[in-house]
């Protein structure tokens, strides 16, 4: 009887499609997000780094001017 109950549980879990819908949604979101992230890293990161370095340079220059 234990094996029959386990078998019925496995059949119910196998028929349940809620997890499949969630998995499909995750795969679709990933398929959209990964190319966007790759584009942002390849194109946007050099601009972000340049902006950050310019801000650091301005801050250092401001500190030097404040000391004088």
PDB file of N, CA and C in Angstrom:
ATOM      1  N   UNK A   1       0.808  -1.209   0.000  1.00  0.00           N
ATOM      2  CA  UNK A   1       0.000   0.000   0.000  1.00  0.00           C
ATOM      3  C   UNK A   1       0.846   1.266   0.000  1.00  0.00           C
ATOM      4  N   UNK A   2       1.985   1.212   0.670  1.00  0.00           N
ATOM      5  CA  UNK A   2       2.839   2.396   0.708  1.00  0.00           C
ATOM      6  C   UNK A   2       3.326   2.732  -0.691  1.00  0.00           C
ATOM      7  N   UNK A   3       3.695   1.707  -1.444  1.00  0.00           N
ATOM      8  CA  UNK A   3       4.153   1.951  -2.803  1.00  0.00           C
ATOM      9  C   UNK A   3       3.048   2.534  -3.671  1.00  0.00           C
ATOM     10  N   UNK A   4       1.814   2.086  -3.478  1.00  0.00           N
ATOM     11  CA  UNK A   4       0.688   2.631  -4.246  1.00  0.00           C
ATOM     12  C   UNK A   4       0.452   4.093  -3.924  1.00  0.00           C
ATOM     13  N   UNK A   5       0.561   4.461  -2.648  1.00  0.00           N
ATOM     14  CA  UNK A   5       0.386   5.864  -2.255  1.00  0.00           C
ATOM     15  C   UNK A   5       1.492   6.741  -2.808  1.00  0.00           C
ATOM     16  N   UNK A   6       2.705   6.233  -2.788  1.00  0.00           N
ATOM     17  CA  UNK A   6       3.833   6.974  -3.344  1.00  0.00           C
ATOM     18  C   UNK A   6       3.674   7.131  -4.849  1.00  0.00           C
ATOM     19  N   UNK A   7       3.215   6.075  -5.496  1.00  0.00           N
ATOM     20  CA  UNK A   7       2.997   6.125  -6.945  1.00  0.00           C
ATOM     21  C   UNK A   7       1.946   7.172  -7.298  1.00  0.00           C
ATOM     22  N   UNK A   8       0.849   7.223  -6.544  1.00  0.00           N
ATOM     23  CA  UNK A   8      -0.194   8.220  -6.789  1.00  0.00           C
ATOM     24  C   UNK A   8       0.329   9.636  -6.564  1.00  0.00           C
ATOM     25  N   UNK A   9       1.155   9.824  -5.544  1.00  0.00           N
ATOM     26  CA  UNK A   9       1.746  11.135  -5.275  1.00  0.00           C
ATOM     27  C   UNK A   9       2.641  11.557  -6.443  1.00  0.00           C
ATOM     28  N   UNK A  10       3.455  10.653  -6.928  1.00  0.00           N
ATOM     29  CA  UNK A  10       4.331  10.976  -8.057  1.00  0.00           C
ATOM     30  C   UNK A  10       3.530  11.322  -9.306  1.00  0.00           C
ATOM     31  N   UNK A  11       2.415  10.613  -9.531  1.00  0.00           N
ATOM     32  CA  UNK A  11       1.577  10.926 -10.687  1.00  0.00           C
ATOM     33  C   UNK A  11       0.965  12.312 -10.557  1.00  0.00           C
ATOM     34  N   UNK A  12       0.513  12.656  -9.339  1.00  0.00           N
ATOM     35  CA  UNK A  12      -0.064  13.990  -9.132  1.00  0.00           C
ATOM     36  C   UNK A  12       0.971  15.088  -9.348  1.00  0.00           C
ATOM     37  N   UNK A  13       2.166  14.884  -8.847  1.00  0.00           N
ATOM     38  CA  UNK A  13       3.229  15.876  -9.019  1.00  0.00           C
ATOM     39  C   UNK A  13       3.589  16.011 -10.493  1.00  0.00           C
ATOM     40  N   UNK A  14       3.631  14.922 -11.203  1.00  0.00           N
ATOM     41  CA  UNK A  14       3.978  14.946 -12.617  1.00  0.00           C
ATOM     42  C   UNK A  14       2.916  15.680 -13.440  1.00  0.00           C
ATOM     43  N   UNK A  15       1.646  15.541 -13.063  1.00  0.00           N
ATOM     44  CA  UNK A  15       0.561  16.205 -13.801  1.00  0.00           C
ATOM     45  C   UNK A  15       0.473  17.683 -13.488  1.00  0.00           C
ATOM     46  N   UNK A  16       1.009  18.125 -12.352  1.00  0.00           N
ATOM     47  CA  UNK A  16       0.925  19.529 -11.942  1.00  0.00           C
ATOM     48  C   UNK A  16       1.805  20.376 -12.854  1.00  0.00           C
ATOM     49  N   UNK A  17       1.219  21.354 -13.543  1.00  0.00           N
ATOM     50  CA  UNK A  17       1.960  22.152 -14.519  1.00  0.00           C
ATOM     51  C   UNK A  17       2.284  23.554 -14.020  1.00  0.00           C
ATOM     52  N   UNK A  18       1.988  23.850 -12.759  1.00  0.00           N
ATOM     53  CA  UNK A  18       2.280  25.195 -12.259  1.00  0.00           C
ATOM     54  C   UNK A  18       3.771  25.492 -12.287  1.00  0.00           C
ATOM     55  N   UNK A  19       4.591  24.542 -11.959  1.00  0.00           N
ATOM     56  CA  UNK A  19       6.030  24.748 -11.986  1.00  0.00           C
ATOM     57  C   UNK A  19       6.561  24.966 -13.387  1.00  0.00           C
ATOM     58  N   UNK A  20       5.948  24.306 -14.366  1.00  0.00           N
ATOM     59  CA  UNK A  20       6.381  24.462 -15.756  1.00  0.00           C
ATOM     60  C   UNK A  20       6.123  25.881 -16.242  1.00  0.00           C
ATOM     61  N   UNK A  21       4.999  26.456 -15.855  1.00  0.00           N
ATOM     62  CA  UNK A  21       4.679  27.824 -16.262  1.00  0.00           C
ATOM     63  C   UNK A  21       5.683  28.786 -15.650  1.00  0.00           C
ATOM     64  N   UNK A  22       6.031  28.587 -14.386  1.00  0.00           N
ATOM     65  CA  UNK A  22       7.016  29.446 -13.739  1.00  0.00           C
ATOM     66  C   UNK A  22       8.374  29.318 -14.417  1.00  0.00           C
ATOM     67  N   UNK A  23       8.756  28.114 -14.745  1.00  0.00           N
ATOM     68  CA  UNK A  23      10.038  27.889 -15.407  1.00  0.00           C
ATOM     69  C   UNK A  23      10.060  28.556 -16.776  1.00  0.00           C
ATOM     70  N   UNK A  24       8.980  28.445 -17.521  1.00  0.00           N
ATOM     71  CA  UNK A  24       8.913  29.094 -18.833  1.00  0.00           C
ATOM     72  C   UNK A  24       9.025  30.602 -18.696  1.00  0.00           C
ATOM     73  N   UNK A  25       8.372  31.159 -17.697  1.00  0.00           N
ATOM     74  CA  UNK A  25       8.444  32.602 -17.471  1.00  0.00           C
ATOM     75  C   UNK A  25       9.869  33.021 -17.145  1.00  0.00           C
ATOM     76  N   UNK A  26      10.545  32.273 -16.298  1.00  0.00           N
ATOM     77  CA  UNK A  26      11.932  32.586 -15.945  1.00  0.00           C
ATOM     78  C   UNK A  26      12.830  32.515 -17.172  1.00  0.00           C
ATOM     79  N   UNK A  27      12.629  31.507 -18.012  1.00  0.00           N
ATOM     80  CA  UNK A  27      13.445  31.376 -19.221  1.00  0.00           C
ATOM     81  C   UNK A  27      13.200  32.532 -20.189  1.00  0.00           C
ATOM     82  N   UNK A  28      11.962  32.957 -20.326  1.00  0.00           N
ATOM     83  CA  UNK A  28      11.654  34.085 -21.220  1.00  0.00           C
ATOM     84  C   UNK A  28      12.284  35.367 -20.694  1.00  0.00           C
ATOM     85  N   UNK A  29      12.150  35.616 -19.397  1.00  0.00           N
ATOM     86  CA  UNK A  29      12.749  36.815 -18.805  1.00  0.00           C
ATOM     87  C   UNK A  29      14.267  36.777 -18.972  1.00  0.00           C
ATOM     88  N   UNK A  30      14.869  35.604 -18.761  1.00  0.00           N
ATOM     89  CA  UNK A  30      16.310  35.476 -18.942  1.00  0.00           C
ATOM     90  C   UNK A  30      16.728  35.713 -20.382  1.00  0.00           C
ATOM     91  N   UNK A  31      15.940  35.211 -21.322  1.00  0.00           N
ATOM     92  CA  UNK A  31      16.267  35.388 -22.739  1.00  0.00           C
ATOM     93  C   UNK A  31      16.193  36.856 -23.147  1.00  0.00           C
ATOM     94  N   UNK A  32      15.361  37.622 -22.467  1.00  0.00           N
ATOM     95  CA  UNK A  32      15.267  39.058 -22.755  1.00  0.00           C
ATOM     96  C   UNK A  32      16.342  39.827 -22.000  1.00  0.00           C
ATOM     97  N   UNK A  33      16.586  39.467 -20.748  1.00  0.00           N
ATOM     98  CA  UNK A  33      17.479  40.243 -19.882  1.00  0.00           C
ATOM     99  C   UNK A  33      18.953  40.042 -20.230  1.00  0.00           C
ATOM    100  N   UNK A  34      19.358  38.847 -20.598  1.00  0.00           N
ATOM    101  CA  UNK A  34      20.782  38.593 -20.839  1.00  0.00           C
ATOM    102  C   UNK A  34      21.337  39.428 -21.996  1.00  0.00           C
ATOM    103  N   UNK A  35      20.677  39.520 -23.145  1.00  0.00           N
ATOM    104  CA  UNK A  35      21.226  40.401 -24.196  1.00  0.00           C
ATOM    105  C   UNK A  35      21.262  41.870 -23.778  1.00  0.00           C
ATOM    106  N   UNK A  36      20.269  42.304 -23.022  1.00  0.00           N
ATOM    107  CA  UNK A  36      20.273  43.694 -22.551  1.00  0.00           C
ATOM    108  C   UNK A  36      21.452  43.930 -21.622  1.00  0.00           C
ATOM    109  N   UNK A  37      21.706  43.004 -20.706  1.00  0.00           N
ATOM    110  CA  UNK A  37      22.837  43.142 -19.797  1.00  0.00           C
ATOM    111  C   UNK A  37      24.166  43.134 -20.551  1.00  0.00           C
ATOM    112  N   UNK A  38      24.284  42.261 -21.531  1.00  0.00           N
ATOM    113  CA  UNK A  38      25.518  42.214 -22.325  1.00  0.00           C
ATOM    114  C   UNK A  38      25.731  43.543 -23.045  1.00  0.00           C
ATOM    115  N   UNK A  39      24.681  44.090 -23.622  1.00  0.00           N
ATOM    116  CA  UNK A  39      24.783  45.384 -24.307  1.00  0.00           C
ATOM    117  C   UNK A  39      25.186  46.480 -23.333  1.00  0.00           C
ATOM    118  N   UNK A  40      24.550  46.518 -22.168  1.00  0.00           N
ATOM    119  CA  UNK A  40      24.878  47.560 -21.201  1.00  0.00           C
ATOM    120  C   UNK A  40      26.316  47.453 -20.710  1.00  0.00           C
ATOM    121  N   UNK A  41      26.784  46.244 -20.506  1.00  0.00           N
ATOM    122  CA  UNK A  41      28.154  46.063 -20.030  1.00  0.00           C
ATOM    123  C   UNK A  41      29.158  46.470 -21.113  1.00  0.00           C
ATOM    124  N   UNK A  42      28.901  46.078 -22.352  1.00  0.00           N
ATOM    125  CA  UNK A  42      29.857  46.370 -23.428  1.00  0.00           C
ATOM    126  C   UNK A  42      29.820  47.835 -23.855  1.00  0.00           C
ATOM    127  N   UNK A  43      28.647  48.444 -23.889  1.00  0.00           N
ATOM    128  CA  UNK A  43      28.527  49.815 -24.393  1.00  0.00           C
ATOM    129  C   UNK A  43      28.472  50.826 -23.248  1.00  0.00           C
ATOM    130  N   UNK A  44      27.700  50.523 -22.232  1.00  0.00           N
ATOM    131  CA  UNK A  44      27.476  51.501 -21.174  1.00  0.00           C
ATOM    132  C   UNK A  44      28.579  51.579 -20.144  1.00  0.00           C
ATOM    133  N   UNK A  45      29.248  50.463 -19.859  1.00  0.00           N
ATOM    134  CA  UNK A  45      30.250  50.464 -18.793  1.00  0.00           C
ATOM    135  C   UNK A  45      31.402  51.425 -19.050  1.00  0.00           C
ATOM    136  N   UNK A  46      31.960  51.509 -20.270  1.00  0.00           N
ATOM    137  CA  UNK A  46      33.029  52.503 -20.479  1.00  0.00           C
ATOM    138  C   UNK A  46      32.570  53.935 -20.195  1.00  0.00           C
ATOM    139  N   UNK A  47      31.323  54.239 -20.515  1.00  0.00           N
ATOM    140  CA  UNK A  47      30.804  55.592 -20.233  1.00  0.00           C
ATOM    141  C   UNK A  47      30.649  55.815 -18.734  1.00  0.00           C
ATOM    142  N   UNK A  48      30.162  54.804 -18.039  1.00  0.00           N
ATOM    143  CA  UNK A  48      30.005  54.914 -16.588  1.00  0.00           C
ATOM    144  C   UNK A  48      31.373  55.073 -15.934  1.00  0.00           C
ATOM    145  N   UNK A  49      32.333  54.285 -16.365  1.00  0.00           N
ATOM    146  CA  UNK A  49      33.684  54.368 -15.812  1.00  0.00           C
ATOM    147  C   UNK A  49      34.298  55.738 -16.084  1.00  0.00           C
ATOM    148  N   UNK A  50      34.133  56.276 -17.295  1.00  0.00           N
ATOM    149  CA  UNK A  50      34.661  57.600 -17.631  1.00  0.00           C
ATOM    150  C   UNK A  50      33.996  58.674 -16.764  1.00  0.00           C
ATOM    151  N   UNK A  51      32.694  58.567 -16.571  1.00  0.00           N
ATOM    152  CA  UNK A  51      31.969  59.530 -15.737  1.00  0.00           C
ATOM    153  C   UNK A  51      32.467  59.465 -14.298  1.00  0.00           C
ATOM    154  N   UNK A  52      32.665  58.263 -13.777  1.00  0.00           N
ATOM    155  CA  UNK A  52      33.143  58.075 -12.409  1.00  0.00           C
ATOM    156  C   UNK A  52      34.561  58.616 -12.259  1.00  0.00           C
ATOM    157  N   UNK A  53      35.443  58.327 -13.222  1.00  0.00           N
ATOM    158  CA  UNK A  53      36.814  58.819 -13.163  1.00  0.00           C
ATOM    159  C   UNK A  53      36.865  60.335 -13.251  1.00  0.00           C
ATOM    160  N   UNK A  54      35.994  60.935 -14.064  1.00  0.00           N
ATOM    161  CA  UNK A  54      35.929  62.393 -14.153  1.00  0.00           C
ATOM    162  C   UNK A  54      35.485  62.991 -12.825  1.00  0.00           C
ATOM    163  N   UNK A  55      34.516  62.348 -12.175  1.00  0.00           N
ATOM    164  CA  UNK A  55      34.061  62.821 -10.870  1.00  0.00           C
ATOM    165  C   UNK A  55      35.168  62.734  -9.827  1.00  0.00           C
ATOM    166  N   UNK A  56      35.938  61.648  -9.852  1.00  0.00           N
ATOM    167  CA  UNK A  56      37.064  61.528  -8.919  1.00  0.00           C
ATOM    168  C   UNK A  56      38.122  62.597  -9.183  1.00  0.00           C
ATOM    169  N   UNK A  57      38.401  62.852 -10.447  1.00  0.00           N
ATOM    170  CA  UNK A  57      39.379  63.898 -10.787  1.00  0.00           C
ATOM    171  C   UNK A  57      38.905  65.266 -10.306  1.00  0.00           C
ATOM    172  N   UNK A  58      37.621  65.563 -10.517  1.00  0.00           N
ATOM    173  CA  UNK A  58      37.068  66.835 -10.053  1.00  0.00           C
ATOM    174  C   UNK A  58      37.137  66.938  -8.535  1.00  0.00           C
ATOM    175  N   UNK A  59      36.873  65.840  -7.845  1.00  0.00           N
ATOM    176  CA  UNK A  59      36.929  65.834  -6.386  1.00  0.00           C
ATOM    177  C   UNK A  59      38.356  66.059  -5.891  1.00  0.00           C
ATOM    178  N   UNK A  60      39.324  65.414  -6.524  1.00  0.00           N
ATOM    179  CA  UNK A  60      40.718  65.607  -6.143  1.00  0.00           C
ATOM    180  C   UNK A  60      41.159  67.041  -6.394  1.00  0.00           C
ATOM    181  N   UNK A  61      40.751  67.588  -7.525  1.00  0.00           N
ATOM    182  CA  UNK A  61      41.106  68.980  -7.832  1.00  0.00           C
ATOM    183  C   UNK A  61      40.465  69.932  -6.838  1.00  0.00           C
ATOM    184  N   UNK A  62      39.235  69.659  -6.452  1.00  0.00           N
ATOM    185  CA  UNK A  62      38.576  70.482  -5.451  1.00  0.00           C
ATOM    186  C   UNK A  62      39.269  70.397  -4.099  1.00  0.00           C
ATOM    187  N   UNK A  63      39.773  69.221  -3.747  1.00  0.00           N
ATOM    188  CA  UNK A  63      40.503  69.076  -2.493  1.00  0.00           C
ATOM    189  C   UNK A  63      41.814  69.836  -2.526  1.00  0.00           C
ATOM    190  N   UNK A  64      42.494  69.809  -3.672  1.00  0.00           N
ATOM    191  CA  UNK A  64      43.761  70.552  -3.808  1.00  0.00           C
ATOM    192  C   UNK A  64      43.486  72.047  -3.722  1.00  0.00           C
ATOM    193  N   UNK A  65      42.421  72.495  -4.373  1.00  0.00           N
ATOM    194  CA  UNK A  65      42.076  73.934  -4.322  1.00  0.00           C
ATOM    195  C   UNK A  65      41.675  74.357  -2.913  1.00  0.00           C
ATOM    196  N   UNK A  66      41.030  73.481  -2.167  1.00  0.00           N
ATOM    197  CA  UNK A  66      40.614  73.822  -0.805  1.00  0.00           C
ATOM    198  C   UNK A  66      41.815  73.930   0.121  1.00  0.00           C
ATOM    199  N   UNK A  67      42.860  73.154  -0.123  1.00  0.00           N
ATOM    200  CA  UNK A  67      44.053  73.216   0.719  1.00  0.00           C
ATOM    201  C   UNK A  67      44.846  74.494   0.471  1.00  0.00           C
ATOM    202  N   UNK A  68      44.736  75.067  -0.710  1.00  0.00           N
ATOM    203  CA  UNK A  68      45.536  76.265  -1.048  1.00  0.00           C
ATOM    204  C   UNK A  68      44.930  77.509  -0.549  1.00  0.00           C
TER     205      UNK A  68
END
